[in-house]
Amino acid sequence: MNIHIVNTFYPPWRGGAETYTRNLAVNLQMMGHRVSVTAAHPPLKPGDYVQEGVAVRRLRSIGMFYGVPIVPELPRHLMGVETDIIHVNFPNPYTASSGAFMSKLRKMPAVLTWHNDLPPVTKLAGILVKMHDNMFSSHYLNIYDAIITTSNVYFEGSKILKKYWRKVRVVENGVDCERFKPGVEVGDLKMRLGLTKSKVALFVGALTKWHRYKGLEDLLAALKILNREDVKLIVVGDGDLRSEYQNMSERLGLSGRVLFVGNLPDNVLPRYYAASDFLVLPSRDRSEGFGLTILEANASGIPAVASNIGGIPGILTDRVNGLLVQPRDPQALADALQVIVEDDDLRVRMGLMGRKIALSHDWSRVAFETFKVYCEVLQNRSLMKS
């Protein structure tokens, strides 16, 4: 099958949708399909690339609008793509509408993965999001043959997706359990970071205004409440808010307990998971559609402390593979951190269970389940013609 996938960006750009797109494309290719990808060009130059056997066309972006690249040539480019099916990733209304436009004009089968709702990061963005949800989204969602969501919990809480329940299919995200695994030697890393006698919490996420929903400021406030010198936090990620978070850390008197290490190479990140005792994902709203870092932590044999919001409770069960807390509540988060730091048996048990859960979420399974959706769409199209 010829499959064309469209996403806002593609690795080495970092993000959950980018991780999803890359692993889906590679695993579909390994299944014997011909896979190509279209994305905006950052961080590489515009042009044609081959990454891990996947043909990637990076289109020129002329700027950004509320975190979304402006790619004028996308609709025209998609009209010339040779494929049996197109698979577009949301949240990006521009790519979603461009894919729908191509599907309608060319009578091309089309699938959309709805990773999460649009984040209302500013007052104006909130107005635009409401306009999109109430007026514009139906124009392209009606066209797609199937809508994939990565979490049944997220689907159940989505006012938009429930309107299209007949064509919604749930395919949970995956994780590379060979890349993220327990038992990685990290003694030298912990010594270099000065963490040999500490309980280590890990936060992984972009430090941009578009990712403020990840809740790092709530985590810093919780660490201040916790007030334990033996608990250290590693912050992996970078962006325009990094200096703001660093300044907040200093104001709270946490500068000696919080390490900002920036973005890490793909071959280094698993060592930081393995060097940590638990992950913290204190997301603040439904912009968190799944919580891919929870799977990465669990695959590494460590539990997670995360907010009971969005798609998170679909992958994290309280006191099974981590602890769930109320969002936007630093005191509740501090209480959960106290539990996971103090109760070694619980922490280890949740880490072991997390590894078992992660093993059932291999990316090859995601690719196979997604391929089944493609087959269903193609079969339905064929029946409509006959």
Protein backbone atom coordinates (compact mmCIF):
# COMPACT_ATOMS: atom_id res chain seq x y z
CA MET A 1 0.00 0.00 0.00
CA ASN A 2 1.20 3.53 -0.77
CA ILE A 3 0.73 5.66 2.35
CA HIS A 4 1.34 9.39 2.64
CA ILE A 5 1.54 10.94 6.13
CA VAL A 6 1.31 14.67 6.81
CA ASN A 7 2.45 16.27 10.06
CA THR A 8 3.36 19.79 11.13
CA PHE A 9 7.02 18.84 11.68
CA TYR A 10 9.18 15.72 11.48
CA PRO A 11 12.23 14.58 13.51
CA PRO A 12 14.74 15.83 14.44
CA TRP A 13 12.01 18.31 15.50
CA ARG A 14 10.89 17.15 18.95
CA GLY A 15 7.32 16.53 20.05
CA GLY A 16 4.76 13.84 20.71
CA ALA A 17 3.14 14.04 17.25
CA GLU A 18 6.59 13.96 15.65
CA THR A 19 7.55 10.85 17.64
CA TYR A 20 4.25 9.26 16.60
CA THR A 21 4.69 10.13 12.91
CA ARG A 22 8.27 8.90 12.74
CA ASN A 23 7.59 5.57 14.47
CA LEU A 24 4.39 4.96 12.53
CA ALA A 25 6.13 5.68 9.21
CA VAL A 26 9.17 3.51 9.99
CA ASN A 27 7.09 0.56 11.21
CA LEU A 28 4.67 0.72 8.28
CA GLN A 29 7.71 0.73 5.99
CA MET A 30 9.05 -2.34 7.81
CA MET A 31 5.70 -4.06 7.14
CA GLY A 32 6.41 -3.71 3.42
CA HIS A 33 4.41 -0.58 2.60
CA ARG A 34 5.68 2.40 0.66
CA VAL A 35 5.55 5.36 3.05
CA SER A 36 6.23 9.04 2.40
CA VAL A 37 5.89 12.06 4.68
CA THR A 38 5.27 15.77 4.18
CA ALA A 39 6.16 18.30 6.90
CA ALA A 40 7.33 21.89 7.32
CA HIS A 41 11.08 22.31 6.90
CA PRO A 42 12.38 23.33 10.38
CA PRO A 43 14.85 22.45 11.77
CA LEU A 44 16.36 21.30 8.44
CA LYS A 45 16.39 23.05 5.07
CA PRO A 46 13.49 22.60 2.63
CA GLY A 47 13.94 19.68 0.26
CA ASP A 48 13.72 15.93 -0.13
CA TYR A 49 15.26 13.61 2.46
CA VAL A 50 15.33 9.90 3.15
CA GLN A 51 15.24 9.13 6.88
CA GLU A 52 15.34 5.50 8.00
CA GLY A 53 14.04 4.43 4.60
CA VAL A 54 11.14 6.92 4.64
CA ALA A 55 10.93 9.60 1.92
CA VAL A 56 10.39 12.97 3.63
CA ARG A 57 9.48 16.15 1.76
CA ARG A 58 10.17 19.25 3.86
CA LEU A 59 8.23 22.24 2.55
CA ARG A 60 9.32 25.82 3.08
CA SER A 61 7.64 27.66 5.95
CA ILE A 62 7.42 31.45 5.64
CA GLY A 63 6.65 32.06 9.31
CA MET A 64 4.59 30.95 12.27
CA PHE A 65 1.04 31.77 13.34
CA TYR A 66 0.22 30.75 16.92
CA GLY A 67 2.81 28.00 16.84
CA VAL A 68 1.71 26.69 13.44
CA PRO A 69 4.06 27.05 10.44
CA ILE A 70 2.68 28.86 7.40
CA VAL A 71 3.34 26.61 4.38
CA PRO A 72 1.63 28.14 1.31
CA GLU A 73 2.61 25.33 -1.06
CA LEU A 74 1.12 22.50 1.05
CA PRO A 75 -2.28 22.25 -0.73
CA ARG A 76 -0.67 22.32 -4.18
CA HIS A 77 1.97 19.78 -3.13
CA LEU A 78 -0.64 17.36 -1.79
CA MET A 79 -2.55 17.52 -5.06
CA GLY A 80 0.45 15.92 -6.78
CA VAL A 81 1.23 13.19 -4.25
CA GLU A 82 0.86 9.63 -5.54
CA THR A 83 -0.68 7.55 -2.77
CA ASP A 84 -3.47 5.12 -1.97
CA ILE A 85 -4.39 6.91 1.25
CA ILE A 86 -3.44 10.12 3.05
CA HIS A 87 -3.00 10.26 6.82
CA VAL A 88 -2.96 13.72 8.42
CA ASN A 89 -2.07 14.64 12.02
CA PHE A 90 -3.92 17.21 14.15
CA PRO A 91 -3.64 19.69 16.05
CA ASN A 92 -2.93 21.82 13.02
CA PRO A 93 -6.07 23.14 11.34
CA TYR A 94 -4.08 24.16 8.26
CA THR A 95 -2.73 20.68 7.52
CA ALA A 96 -6.07 19.12 8.48
CA SER A 97 -8.02 21.34 6.08
CA SER A 98 -5.37 20.95 3.34
CA GLY A 99 -5.60 17.16 3.60
CA ALA A 100 -9.39 17.29 3.49
CA PHE A 101 -9.28 19.61 0.47
CA MET A 102 -7.00 17.17 -1.37
CA SER A 103 -9.16 14.21 -0.35
CA LYS A 104 -12.36 15.81 -1.64
CA LEU A 105 -10.97 17.05 -4.96
CA ARG A 106 -9.10 13.83 -5.76
CA LYS A 107 -11.65 11.48 -4.15
CA MET A 108 -8.74 10.18 -2.10
CA PRO A 109 -9.30 8.09 1.08
CA ALA A 110 -8.17 10.12 4.10
CA VAL A 111 -7.53 9.45 7.79
CA LEU A 112 -6.94 12.03 10.53
CA THR A 113 -5.20 11.38 13.85
CA TRP A 114 -6.59 13.78 16.47
CA HIS A 115 -3.77 13.98 19.02
CA ASN A 116 -5.38 16.66 21.17
CA ASP A 117 -7.62 19.71 21.16
CA LEU A 118 -6.20 23.09 20.22
CA PRO A 119 -4.55 24.80 23.22
CA PRO A 120 -6.00 28.25 24.11
CA VAL A 121 -2.63 29.63 25.25
CA THR A 122 -3.68 33.30 25.11
CA LYS A 123 -6.97 35.21 25.31
CA LEU A 124 -6.98 35.77 21.54
CA ALA A 125 -6.01 32.14 20.94
CA GLY A 126 -8.95 31.11 23.12
CA ILE A 127 -11.32 33.08 20.89
CA LEU A 128 -9.80 31.54 17.76
CA VAL A 129 -10.03 28.05 19.25
CA LYS A 130 -13.75 28.52 20.00
CA MET A 131 -14.32 29.73 16.45
CA HIS A 132 -12.45 26.71 15.12
CA ASP A 133 -14.29 24.22 17.32
CA ASN A 134 -17.77 25.66 16.78
CA MET A 135 -17.59 26.79 13.16
CA PHE A 136 -14.64 25.59 11.12
CA SER A 137 -13.70 22.08 12.31
CA SER A 138 -16.82 20.48 10.83
CA HIS A 139 -15.81 21.61 7.32
CA TYR A 140 -12.86 19.22 7.28
CA LEU A 141 -13.83 16.59 9.88
CA ASN A 142 -16.88 15.69 7.78
CA ILE A 143 -14.58 14.82 4.87
CA TYR A 144 -12.22 12.39 6.61
CA ASP A 145 -13.14 8.72 6.27
CA ALA A 146 -11.83 7.86 9.74
CA ILE A 147 -10.57 9.75 12.78
CA ILE A 148 -7.98 8.06 14.98
CA THR A 149 -7.63 9.10 18.60
CA THR A 150 -4.85 7.76 20.79
CA SER A 151 -6.97 7.48 23.92
CA ASN A 152 -10.51 6.27 24.55
CA VAL A 153 -10.58 8.39 27.72
CA TYR A 154 -9.70 11.45 25.66
CA PHE A 155 -12.38 10.61 23.09
CA GLU A 156 -15.04 10.26 25.80
CA GLY A 157 -14.23 13.76 27.05
CA SER A 158 -14.12 15.43 23.64
CA LYS A 159 -17.18 17.46 22.64
CA ILE A 160 -15.90 17.67 19.07
CA LEU A 161 -15.01 14.01 18.50
CA LYS A 162 -18.26 12.71 19.96
CA LYS A 163 -20.08 14.27 17.01
CA TYR A 164 -18.15 11.90 14.74
CA TRP A 165 -18.27 8.81 16.93
CA ARG A 166 -19.22 6.53 14.04
CA LYS A 167 -15.86 7.04 12.35
CA VAL A 168 -13.63 7.39 15.42
CA ARG A 169 -11.14 4.56 15.99
CA VAL A 170 -8.89 4.28 19.06
CA VAL A 171 -5.25 3.31 18.48
CA GLU A 172 -3.11 4.02 21.54
CA ASN A 173 0.40 5.40 21.19
CA GLY A 174 3.47 3.22 21.40
CA VAL A 175 6.98 3.17 22.82
CA ASP A 176 10.32 1.64 21.83
CA CYS A 177 10.97 -0.80 24.67
CA GLU A 178 14.44 -1.62 23.35
CA ARG A 179 15.46 2.01 23.46
CA PHE A 180 13.80 2.75 26.80
CA LYS A 181 14.50 -0.07 29.25
CA PRO A 182 15.62 -0.71 32.83
CA GLY A 183 19.13 -1.76 33.72
CA VAL A 184 20.94 0.89 31.68
CA GLU A 185 24.26 1.74 33.35
CA VAL A 186 23.91 5.27 34.71
CA GLY A 187 26.35 5.42 37.63
CA ASP A 188 28.71 7.81 35.85
CA LEU A 189 25.81 10.05 34.79
CA LYS A 190 24.41 10.32 38.33
CA MET A 191 27.88 11.03 39.68
CA ARG A 192 28.52 13.73 37.07
CA LEU A 193 25.17 15.37 37.87
CA GLY A 194 25.69 15.06 41.63
CA LEU A 195 22.65 12.82 42.11
CA THR A 196 24.12 9.70 43.72
CA LYS A 197 22.44 10.36 47.09
CA SER A 198 19.21 11.90 45.79
CA LYS A 199 15.76 10.79 44.78
CA VAL A 200 15.52 12.00 41.18
CA ALA A 201 12.35 13.34 39.56
CA LEU A 202 12.31 13.82 35.78
CA PHE A 203 10.34 16.26 33.63
CA VAL A 204 10.48 15.95 29.83
CA GLY A 205 8.78 18.54 27.63
CA ALA A 206 9.21 21.59 25.44
CA LEU A 207 9.67 24.81 27.41
CA THR A 208 7.63 27.04 25.11
CA LYS A 209 4.50 29.12 25.61
CA TRP A 210 2.64 26.59 23.44
CA HIS A 211 3.58 23.91 25.97
CA ARG A 212 2.89 25.83 29.17
CA TYR A 213 0.05 23.35 29.67
CA LYS A 214 2.71 20.78 30.67
CA GLY A 215 2.59 22.43 34.10
CA LEU A 216 6.27 22.87 34.95
CA GLU A 217 5.50 25.93 37.08
CA ASP A 218 3.14 23.80 39.19
CA LEU A 219 5.92 21.24 39.63
CA LEU A 220 8.38 23.90 40.78
CA ALA A 221 5.80 25.22 43.26
CA ALA A 222 5.23 21.66 44.52
CA LEU A 223 8.97 21.15 45.05
CA LYS A 224 9.02 24.32 47.15
CA ILE A 225 6.16 22.93 49.28
CA LEU A 226 7.86 19.53 49.54
CA ASN A 227 10.98 21.23 50.89
CA ARG A 228 13.29 18.21 50.72
CA GLU A 229 16.94 18.69 49.89
CA ASP A 230 17.27 15.01 48.93
CA VAL A 231 14.78 15.34 46.04
CA LYS A 232 16.27 16.70 42.82
CA LEU A 233 14.51 17.50 39.54
CA ILE A 234 15.97 17.10 36.06
CA VAL A 235 14.24 19.22 33.41
CA VAL A 236 14.78 17.95 29.86
CA GLY A 237 13.67 20.35 27.14
CA ASP A 238 14.24 23.82 25.78
CA GLY A 239 12.35 26.80 24.43
CA ASP A 240 11.50 30.46 24.87
CA LEU A 241 10.28 29.95 28.47
CA ARG A 242 13.44 28.26 29.74
CA SER A 243 14.87 31.43 31.29
CA GLU A 244 11.48 32.19 32.89
CA TYR A 245 11.40 28.75 34.54
CA GLN A 246 15.02 29.08 35.63
CA ASN A 247 14.28 32.47 37.21
CA MET A 248 11.23 31.00 38.96
CA SER A 249 13.39 28.18 40.28
CA GLU A 250 15.86 30.69 41.72
CA ARG A 251 13.10 32.84 43.27
CA LEU A 252 11.72 29.75 45.02
CA GLY A 253 15.16 28.84 46.35
CA LEU A 254 15.33 25.68 44.23
CA SER A 255 18.33 26.47 42.03
CA GLY A 256 20.45 23.80 43.75
CA ARG A 257 17.72 21.17 43.37
CA VAL A 258 16.62 21.72 39.76
CA LEU A 259 18.87 20.89 36.80
CA PHE A 260 17.94 22.31 33.39
CA VAL A 261 19.79 20.14 30.86
CA GLY A 262 18.16 21.34 27.62
CA ASN A 263 17.30 19.05 24.73
CA LEU A 264 19.12 15.73 24.71
CA PRO A 265 20.24 13.58 21.76
CA ASP A 266 18.03 10.56 21.10
CA ASN A 267 20.75 8.16 22.25
CA VAL A 268 21.23 10.04 25.54
CA LEU A 269 17.62 10.59 26.66
CA PRO A 270 17.04 6.94 27.73
CA ARG A 271 19.95 7.22 30.19
CA TYR A 272 18.23 10.14 31.93
CA TYR A 273 15.04 8.12 32.30
CA ALA A 274 17.05 5.21 33.71
CA ALA A 275 18.89 7.55 36.08
CA SER A 276 15.61 8.87 37.51
CA ASP A 277 13.34 7.41 40.18
CA PHE A 278 10.09 8.68 38.66
CA LEU A 279 8.67 10.97 36.00
CA VAL A 280 6.41 13.95 36.72
CA LEU A 281 3.88 15.17 34.14
CA PRO A 282 1.70 17.81 35.86
CA SER A 283 -0.34 18.78 32.78
CA ARG A 284 -2.92 21.51 33.28
CA ASP A 285 -5.61 20.95 30.64
CA ARG A 286 -6.92 18.80 27.79
CA SER A 287 -4.05 19.83 25.55
CA GLU A 288 -2.42 16.68 26.97
CA GLY A 289 -3.97 14.13 24.64
CA PHE A 290 -2.00 11.08 25.75
CA GLY A 291 1.21 11.60 27.74
CA LEU A 292 3.81 9.76 25.67
CA THR A 293 6.53 10.43 28.25
CA ILE A 294 4.58 8.25 30.71
CA LEU A 295 5.06 5.27 28.39
CA GLU A 296 8.75 6.13 27.99
CA ALA A 297 9.14 6.28 31.77
CA ASN A 298 7.25 3.02 32.29
CA ALA A 299 9.33 1.31 29.59
CA SER A 300 12.39 2.46 31.54
CA GLY A 301 11.02 0.77 34.65
CA ILE A 302 10.01 3.90 36.56
CA PRO A 303 6.51 5.12 37.54
CA ALA A 304 4.98 8.51 36.84
CA VAL A 305 3.20 11.16 38.87
CA ALA A 306 0.77 12.85 36.49
CA SER A 307 -2.39 14.92 36.31
CA ASN A 308 -5.78 13.27 36.10
CA ILE A 309 -6.73 15.12 32.92
CA GLY A 310 -6.90 14.72 29.16
CA GLY A 311 -5.71 11.35 27.92
CA ILE A 312 -3.43 10.64 30.89
CA PRO A 313 -5.85 8.43 32.91
CA GLY A 314 -6.16 6.26 29.82
CA ILE A 315 -2.52 5.16 30.15
CA LEU A 316 -1.87 5.69 33.89
CA THR A 317 -3.88 3.91 36.59
CA ASP A 318 -3.52 5.33 40.09
CA ARG A 319 -1.17 3.26 42.29
CA VAL A 320 -0.65 0.72 39.48
CA ASN A 321 1.95 2.32 37.20
CA GLY A 322 2.03 5.72 38.87
CA LEU A 323 0.07 8.27 40.87
CA LEU A 324 -2.72 10.50 39.58
CA VAL A 325 -3.20 13.99 41.02
CA GLN A 326 -5.59 16.86 40.41
CA PRO A 327 -4.26 19.36 37.86
CA ARG A 328 -3.25 22.92 38.81
CA ASP A 329 -2.86 21.91 42.47
CA PRO A 330 0.77 22.21 43.69
CA GLN A 331 -0.20 21.03 47.19
CA ALA A 332 -1.77 17.82 45.87
CA LEU A 333 1.27 17.31 43.66
CA ALA A 334 3.61 17.83 46.61
CA ASP A 335 1.64 15.26 48.63
CA ALA A 336 1.98 12.72 45.79
CA LEU A 337 5.70 13.42 45.50
CA GLN A 338 6.05 12.79 49.23
CA VAL A 339 4.34 9.40 48.84
CA ILE A 340 6.44 8.25 45.90
CA VAL A 341 9.68 9.41 47.54
CA GLU A 342 8.95 7.78 50.90
CA ASP A 343 7.38 4.49 49.81
CA ASP A 344 10.19 2.56 48.11
CA ASP A 345 8.14 -0.64 47.80
CA LEU A 346 5.25 1.15 46.08
CA ARG A 347 7.58 3.01 43.75
CA VAL A 348 9.41 -0.15 42.67
CA ARG A 349 6.17 -2.11 42.29
CA MET A 350 4.62 0.60 40.10
CA GLY A 351 7.79 0.71 38.00
CA LEU A 352 7.66 -3.04 37.39
CA MET A 353 3.99 -2.88 36.44
CA GLY A 354 4.71 0.09 34.19
CA ARG A 355 7.28 -1.94 32.27
CA LYS A 356 4.67 -4.67 31.67
CA ILE A 357 2.20 -2.09 30.39
CA ALA A 358 4.81 -0.53 28.11
CA LEU A 359 5.69 -3.90 26.59
CA SER A 360 2.11 -4.16 25.30
CA HIS A 361 2.45 -0.81 23.50
CA ASP A 362 5.12 -1.59 20.92
CA TRP A 363 5.16 0.69 17.86
CA SER A 364 4.78 -2.34 15.57
CA ARG A 365 1.36 -2.92 17.16
CA VAL A 366 0.44 0.73 16.57
CA ALA A 367 1.41 0.40 12.91
CA PHE A 368 -0.59 -2.81 12.49
CA GLU A 369 -3.71 -1.37 14.16
CA THR A 370 -3.42 1.78 12.05
CA PHE A 371 -3.05 -0.32 8.90
CA LYS A 372 -6.31 -2.08 9.83
CA VAL A 373 -8.00 1.34 9.88
CA TYR A 374 -6.59 2.06 6.41
CA CYS A 375 -7.97 -1.27 5.14
CA GLU A 376 -11.39 -0.52 6.63
CA VAL A 377 -11.45 2.88 4.93
CA LEU A 378 -10.41 1.46 1.55
CA GLN A 379 -12.98 -1.32 1.83
CA ASN A 380 -15.76 1.14 2.66
CA ARG A 381 -14.76 3.32 -0.30
CA SER A 382 -14.81 0.26 -2.56
CA LEU A 383 -18.29 -0.71 -1.36
CA MET A 384 -19.55 2.82 -2.01
CA LYS A 385 -18.37 2.61 -5.63
CA SER A 386 -20.00 -0.76 -6.28
